[in-house]
Amino acid sequence: MMTKQKTEYLNIRLSPDIKALIKTAAESERRSISNFIECLVVEYSEKKQLINPESSSEK
């Protein structure tokens, strides 16, 4: 399966506590922060039926 090229940027402001929590969670799954957040968004979108689970490229 061919992955889509990542060309978009998203800059957000977080509290240091939330940033540390995201970093710890990503490391526990051996993912980058970017990939971890991407997976969270895909899982949330599937759960809320915003996208079809078969159409998502990563889990």
C-alpha atoms as a PDB file:
ATOM      1  CA  MET A   1       0.000   0.000   0.000  1.00  0.00           C
ATOM      2  CA  MET A   2       1.373   3.398  -0.973  1.00  0.00           C
ATOM      3  CA  THR A   3       1.342   6.044   1.752  1.00  0.00           C
ATOM      4  CA  LYS A   4       0.248   9.597   1.093  1.00  0.00           C
ATOM      5  CA  GLN A   5       2.949  12.233   0.991  1.00  0.00           C
ATOM      6  CA  LYS A   6       2.859  14.464   4.046  1.00  0.00           C
ATOM      7  CA  THR A   7       2.924  18.084   2.946  1.00  0.00           C
ATOM      8  CA  GLU A   8       0.815  19.880   5.571  1.00  0.00           C
ATOM      9  CA  TYR A   9       1.992  21.484   8.808  1.00  0.00           C
ATOM     10  CA  LEU A  10       0.040  22.060  12.009  1.00  0.00           C
ATOM     11  CA  ASN A  11       1.407  24.292  14.751  1.00  0.00           C
ATOM     12  CA  ILE A  12      -0.310  24.194  18.129  1.00  0.00           C
ATOM     13  CA  ARG A  13       0.356  25.635  21.571  1.00  0.00           C
ATOM     14  CA  LEU A  14       0.219  23.263  24.533  1.00  0.00           C
ATOM     15  CA  SER A  15       0.972  23.411  28.197  1.00  0.00           C
ATOM     16  CA  PRO A  16       4.282  21.780  29.140  1.00  0.00           C
ATOM     17  CA  ASP A  17       2.381  19.061  31.035  1.00  0.00           C
ATOM     18  CA  ILE A  18       0.320  18.059  27.994  1.00  0.00           C
ATOM     19  CA  LYS A  19       3.396  18.088  25.746  1.00  0.00           C
ATOM     20  CA  ALA A  20       5.240  15.826  28.184  1.00  0.00           C
ATOM     21  CA  LEU A  21       2.249  13.484  28.364  1.00  0.00           C
ATOM     22  CA  ILE A  22       2.069  13.231  24.561  1.00  0.00           C
ATOM     23  CA  LYS A  23       5.828  12.585  24.379  1.00  0.00           C
ATOM     24  CA  THR A  24       5.634   9.846  27.022  1.00  0.00           C
ATOM     25  CA  ALA A  25       2.639   8.195  25.351  1.00  0.00           C
ATOM     26  CA  ALA A  26       4.302   8.296  21.917  1.00  0.00           C
ATOM     27  CA  GLU A  27       7.527   6.823  23.278  1.00  0.00           C
ATOM     28  CA  SER A  28       5.609   4.026  25.014  1.00  0.00           C
ATOM     29  CA  GLU A  29       4.251   2.993  21.603  1.00  0.00           C
ATOM     30  CA  ARG A  30       7.586   3.563  19.868  1.00  0.00           C
ATOM     31  CA  ARG A  31       6.098   6.257  17.645  1.00  0.00           C
ATOM     32  CA  SER A  32       7.071   9.790  16.793  1.00  0.00           C
ATOM     33  CA  ILE A  33       4.893  12.482  18.316  1.00  0.00           C
ATOM     34  CA  SER A  34       3.580  13.307  14.856  1.00  0.00           C
ATOM     35  CA  ASN A  35       2.656   9.700  14.101  1.00  0.00           C
ATOM     36  CA  PHE A  36       1.130   9.222  17.541  1.00  0.00           C
ATOM     37  CA  ILE A  37      -1.158  12.245  17.114  1.00  0.00           C
ATOM     38  CA  GLU A  38      -2.043  11.135  13.573  1.00  0.00           C
ATOM     39  CA  CYS A  39      -3.075   7.705  14.889  1.00  0.00           C
ATOM     40  CA  LEU A  40      -5.172   9.304  17.650  1.00  0.00           C
ATOM     41  CA  VAL A  41      -7.020  11.434  15.100  1.00  0.00           C
ATOM     42  CA  VAL A  42      -7.661   8.457  12.807  1.00  0.00           C
ATOM     43  CA  GLU A  43      -8.911   6.281  15.685  1.00  0.00           C
ATOM     44  CA  TYR A  44     -11.165   9.082  16.961  1.00  0.00           C
ATOM     45  CA  SER A  45     -12.521   9.707  13.467  1.00  0.00           C
ATOM     46  CA  GLU A  46     -13.313   6.021  12.998  1.00  0.00           C
ATOM     47  CA  LYS A  47     -14.984   5.828  16.412  1.00  0.00           C
ATOM     48  CA  LYS A  48     -17.161   8.858  15.633  1.00  0.00           C
ATOM     49  CA  GLN A  49     -17.833   7.478  12.131  1.00  0.00           C
ATOM     50  CA  LEU A  50     -16.291  10.514  10.481  1.00  0.00           C
ATOM     51  CA  ILE A  51     -14.307   8.217   8.174  1.00  0.00           C
ATOM     52  CA  ASN A  52     -14.678   4.640   7.024  1.00  0.00           C
ATOM     53  CA  PRO A  53     -12.196   2.356   8.883  1.00  0.00           C
ATOM     54  CA  GLU A  54     -11.202   0.710   5.590  1.00  0.00           C
ATOM     55  CA  SER A  55     -10.247   4.090   4.125  1.00  0.00           C
ATOM     56  CA  SER A  56      -7.689   4.935   6.813  1.00  0.00           C
ATOM     57  CA  SER A  57      -4.132   4.092   5.851  1.00  0.00           C
ATOM     58  CA  GLU A  58      -2.662   3.750   9.369  1.00  0.00           C
ATOM     59  CA  LYS A  59      -3.761   2.346  12.695  1.00  0.00           C
END
